[in-house]
Amino acid sequence: MEICVLVRISAINKKFSALFLNKGVSMKIKYKKKRLNVNLFIGITWAILGTLALFVNEKMLWRDYGLIILSILYLGLYFYEYKNQYLTIKDGIISKNSWFAKKN
């Protein structure tokens, strides 16, 4: 039973690798639009709160800088995930696109 399963998995892997080992063949698996829109909404919300804190408070506090930093991080995350989608399969290499990517 175990040998039969290993042979079947091996055959599937060969077919999968042959499909994507051709030069120039690439495939992207995208993030859902809801995830991207939530990150954009949170980034814009933090930006609005940070801007309001700049004009309302006479003295800048550390939390005001924190709001601005959070907005930059969320907006950066949105643009990064929009440009580089979740998974990319190119030339037989599967790469998960994150800020600290790993190649498998």
C-alpha atoms as a PDB file:
ATOM      1  CA  MET A   1       0.000   0.000   0.000  1.00  0.00           C
ATOM      2  CA  GLU A   2       2.751   2.487   0.905  1.00  0.00           C
ATOM      3  CA  ILE A   3       4.743   1.720  -2.227  1.00  0.00           C
ATOM      4  CA  CYS A   4       1.679   2.267  -4.408  1.00  0.00           C
ATOM      5  CA  VAL A   5       1.010   5.666  -2.808  1.00  0.00           C
ATOM      6  CA  LEU A   6       4.640   6.765  -3.201  1.00  0.00           C
ATOM      7  CA  VAL A   7       4.661   5.788  -6.877  1.00  0.00           C
ATOM      8  CA  ARG A   8       1.435   7.705  -7.505  1.00  0.00           C
ATOM      9  CA  ILE A   9       2.749  10.842  -5.725  1.00  0.00           C
ATOM     10  CA  SER A  10       6.001  10.588  -7.667  1.00  0.00           C
ATOM     11  CA  ALA A  11       4.103  10.410 -10.961  1.00  0.00           C
ATOM     12  CA  ILE A  12       2.009  13.446 -10.030  1.00  0.00           C
ATOM     13  CA  ASN A  13       5.134  15.424  -9.085  1.00  0.00           C
ATOM     14  CA  LYS A  14       6.765  14.589 -12.434  1.00  0.00           C
ATOM     15  CA  LYS A  15       3.714  15.788 -14.357  1.00  0.00           C
ATOM     16  CA  PHE A  16       3.490  18.969 -12.257  1.00  0.00           C
ATOM     17  CA  SER A  17       7.208  19.741 -12.675  1.00  0.00           C
ATOM     18  CA  ALA A  18       7.102  19.066 -16.408  1.00  0.00           C
ATOM     19  CA  LEU A  19       4.222  21.497 -16.700  1.00  0.00           C
ATOM     20  CA  PHE A  20       6.030  24.389 -15.005  1.00  0.00           C
ATOM     21  CA  LEU A  21       9.674  23.742 -15.927  1.00  0.00           C
ATOM     22  CA  ASN A  22       9.253  25.286 -19.359  1.00  0.00           C
ATOM     23  CA  LYS A  23      10.994  28.638 -19.638  1.00  0.00           C
ATOM     24  CA  GLY A  24       8.746  31.647 -19.450  1.00  0.00           C
ATOM     25  CA  VAL A  25       5.794  29.803 -17.912  1.00  0.00           C
ATOM     26  CA  SER A  26       4.562  31.563 -14.796  1.00  0.00           C
ATOM     27  CA  MET A  27       1.431  31.543 -12.712  1.00  0.00           C
ATOM     28  CA  LYS A  28       0.216  33.818  -9.928  1.00  0.00           C
ATOM     29  CA  ILE A  29      -2.237  33.032  -7.162  1.00  0.00           C
ATOM     30  CA  LYS A  30      -3.748  36.323  -6.073  1.00  0.00           C
ATOM     31  CA  TYR A  31      -4.895  37.667  -2.732  1.00  0.00           C
ATOM     32  CA  LYS A  32      -8.639  38.119  -2.337  1.00  0.00           C
ATOM     33  CA  LYS A  33      -9.886  41.622  -3.031  1.00  0.00           C
ATOM     34  CA  LYS A  34     -11.468  41.766   0.413  1.00  0.00           C
ATOM     35  CA  ARG A  35      -8.050  41.369   2.070  1.00  0.00           C
ATOM     36  CA  LEU A  36      -6.538  44.102  -0.090  1.00  0.00           C
ATOM     37  CA  ASN A  37      -9.470  46.455   0.497  1.00  0.00           C
ATOM     38  CA  VAL A  38      -9.362  45.913   4.274  1.00  0.00           C
ATOM     39  CA  ASN A  39      -5.655  46.806   4.361  1.00  0.00           C
ATOM     40  CA  LEU A  40      -6.324  49.907   2.263  1.00  0.00           C
ATOM     41  CA  PHE A  41      -9.240  50.957   4.497  1.00  0.00           C
ATOM     42  CA  ILE A  42      -7.210  50.495   7.696  1.00  0.00           C
ATOM     43  CA  GLY A  43      -4.277  52.427   6.198  1.00  0.00           C
ATOM     44  CA  ILE A  44      -6.496  55.335   5.160  1.00  0.00           C
ATOM     45  CA  THR A  45      -8.199  55.333   8.577  1.00  0.00           C
ATOM     46  CA  TRP A  46      -4.856  55.520  10.401  1.00  0.00           C
ATOM     47  CA  ALA A  47      -3.741  58.293   8.035  1.00  0.00           C
ATOM     48  CA  ILE A  48      -6.868  60.338   8.743  1.00  0.00           C
ATOM     49  CA  LEU A  49      -6.489  59.864  12.511  1.00  0.00           C
ATOM     50  CA  GLY A  50      -2.801  60.788  12.337  1.00  0.00           C
ATOM     51  CA  THR A  51      -3.526  63.905  10.292  1.00  0.00           C
ATOM     52  CA  LEU A  52      -6.286  64.975  12.679  1.00  0.00           C
ATOM     53  CA  ALA A  53      -3.933  64.458  15.628  1.00  0.00           C
ATOM     54  CA  LEU A  54      -1.386  66.764  13.959  1.00  0.00           C
ATOM     55  CA  PHE A  55      -3.861  69.619  13.666  1.00  0.00           C
ATOM     56  CA  VAL A  56      -5.838  69.147  16.893  1.00  0.00           C
ATOM     57  CA  ASN A  57      -3.050  68.630  19.427  1.00  0.00           C
ATOM     58  CA  GLU A  58      -0.742  71.493  20.264  1.00  0.00           C
ATOM     59  CA  LYS A  59       2.043  69.181  21.329  1.00  0.00           C
ATOM     60  CA  MET A  60       2.890  66.017  19.402  1.00  0.00           C
ATOM     61  CA  LEU A  61       2.812  62.887  21.540  1.00  0.00           C
ATOM     62  CA  TRP A  62       4.434  59.537  20.778  1.00  0.00           C
ATOM     63  CA  ARG A  63       1.049  58.025  19.904  1.00  0.00           C
ATOM     64  CA  ASP A  64       0.559  60.625  17.174  1.00  0.00           C
ATOM     65  CA  TYR A  65       3.754  59.469  15.511  1.00  0.00           C
ATOM     66  CA  GLY A  66       2.545  55.892  16.012  1.00  0.00           C
ATOM     67  CA  LEU A  67      -0.637  56.624  14.042  1.00  0.00           C
ATOM     68  CA  ILE A  68       1.367  57.999  11.140  1.00  0.00           C
ATOM     69  CA  ILE A  69       3.760  55.018  11.214  1.00  0.00           C
ATOM     70  CA  LEU A  70       0.821  52.573  11.271  1.00  0.00           C
ATOM     71  CA  SER A  71      -0.756  54.286   8.282  1.00  0.00           C
ATOM     72  CA  ILE A  72       2.510  54.093   6.331  1.00  0.00           C
ATOM     73  CA  LEU A  73       2.900  50.399   7.204  1.00  0.00           C
ATOM     74  CA  TYR A  74      -0.658  49.455   6.216  1.00  0.00           C
ATOM     75  CA  LEU A  75      -0.558  51.453   2.995  1.00  0.00           C
ATOM     76  CA  GLY A  76       2.836  49.928   2.195  1.00  0.00           C
ATOM     77  CA  LEU A  77       1.424  46.461   2.888  1.00  0.00           C
ATOM     78  CA  TYR A  78      -1.516  47.172   0.591  1.00  0.00           C
ATOM     79  CA  PHE A  79       0.665  48.324  -2.312  1.00  0.00           C
ATOM     80  CA  TYR A  80       3.134  45.444  -1.828  1.00  0.00           C
ATOM     81  CA  GLU A  81       0.379  42.808  -1.773  1.00  0.00           C
ATOM     82  CA  TYR A  82      -1.348  44.447  -4.739  1.00  0.00           C
ATOM     83  CA  LYS A  83       1.841  44.383  -6.822  1.00  0.00           C
ATOM     84  CA  ASN A  84       3.257  41.025  -5.635  1.00  0.00           C
ATOM     85  CA  GLN A  85       0.451  38.535  -5.291  1.00  0.00           C
ATOM     86  CA  TYR A  86       0.322  35.573  -2.847  1.00  0.00           C
ATOM     87  CA  LEU A  87       2.144  32.805  -4.737  1.00  0.00           C
ATOM     88  CA  THR A  88       4.211  32.865  -7.898  1.00  0.00           C
ATOM     89  CA  ILE A  89       5.233  29.753  -9.784  1.00  0.00           C
ATOM     90  CA  LYS A  90       7.946  30.542 -12.307  1.00  0.00           C
ATOM     91  CA  ASP A  91      10.445  28.178 -13.946  1.00  0.00           C
ATOM     92  CA  GLY A  92       9.541  25.392 -11.526  1.00  0.00           C
ATOM     93  CA  ILE A  93      10.144  27.557  -8.430  1.00  0.00           C
ATOM     94  CA  ILE A  94       7.276  28.258  -6.055  1.00  0.00           C
ATOM     95  CA  SER A  95       7.743  31.529  -4.198  1.00  0.00           C
ATOM     96  CA  LYS A  96       5.467  32.876  -1.532  1.00  0.00           C
ATOM     97  CA  ASN A  97       5.563  36.640  -1.816  1.00  0.00           C
ATOM     98  CA  SER A  98       5.892  38.226   1.590  1.00  0.00           C
ATOM     99  CA  TRP A  99       8.241  40.787   3.044  1.00  0.00           C
ATOM    100  CA  PHE A 100      10.530  37.905   4.034  1.00  0.00           C
ATOM    101  CA  ALA A 101      10.057  35.528   1.088  1.00  0.00           C
ATOM    102  CA  LYS A 102      11.186  31.904   0.991  1.00  0.00           C
ATOM    103  CA  LYS A 103      11.747  29.829  -2.122  1.00  0.00           C
ATOM    104  CA  ASN A 104      10.616  26.190  -2.109  1.00  0.00           C
END
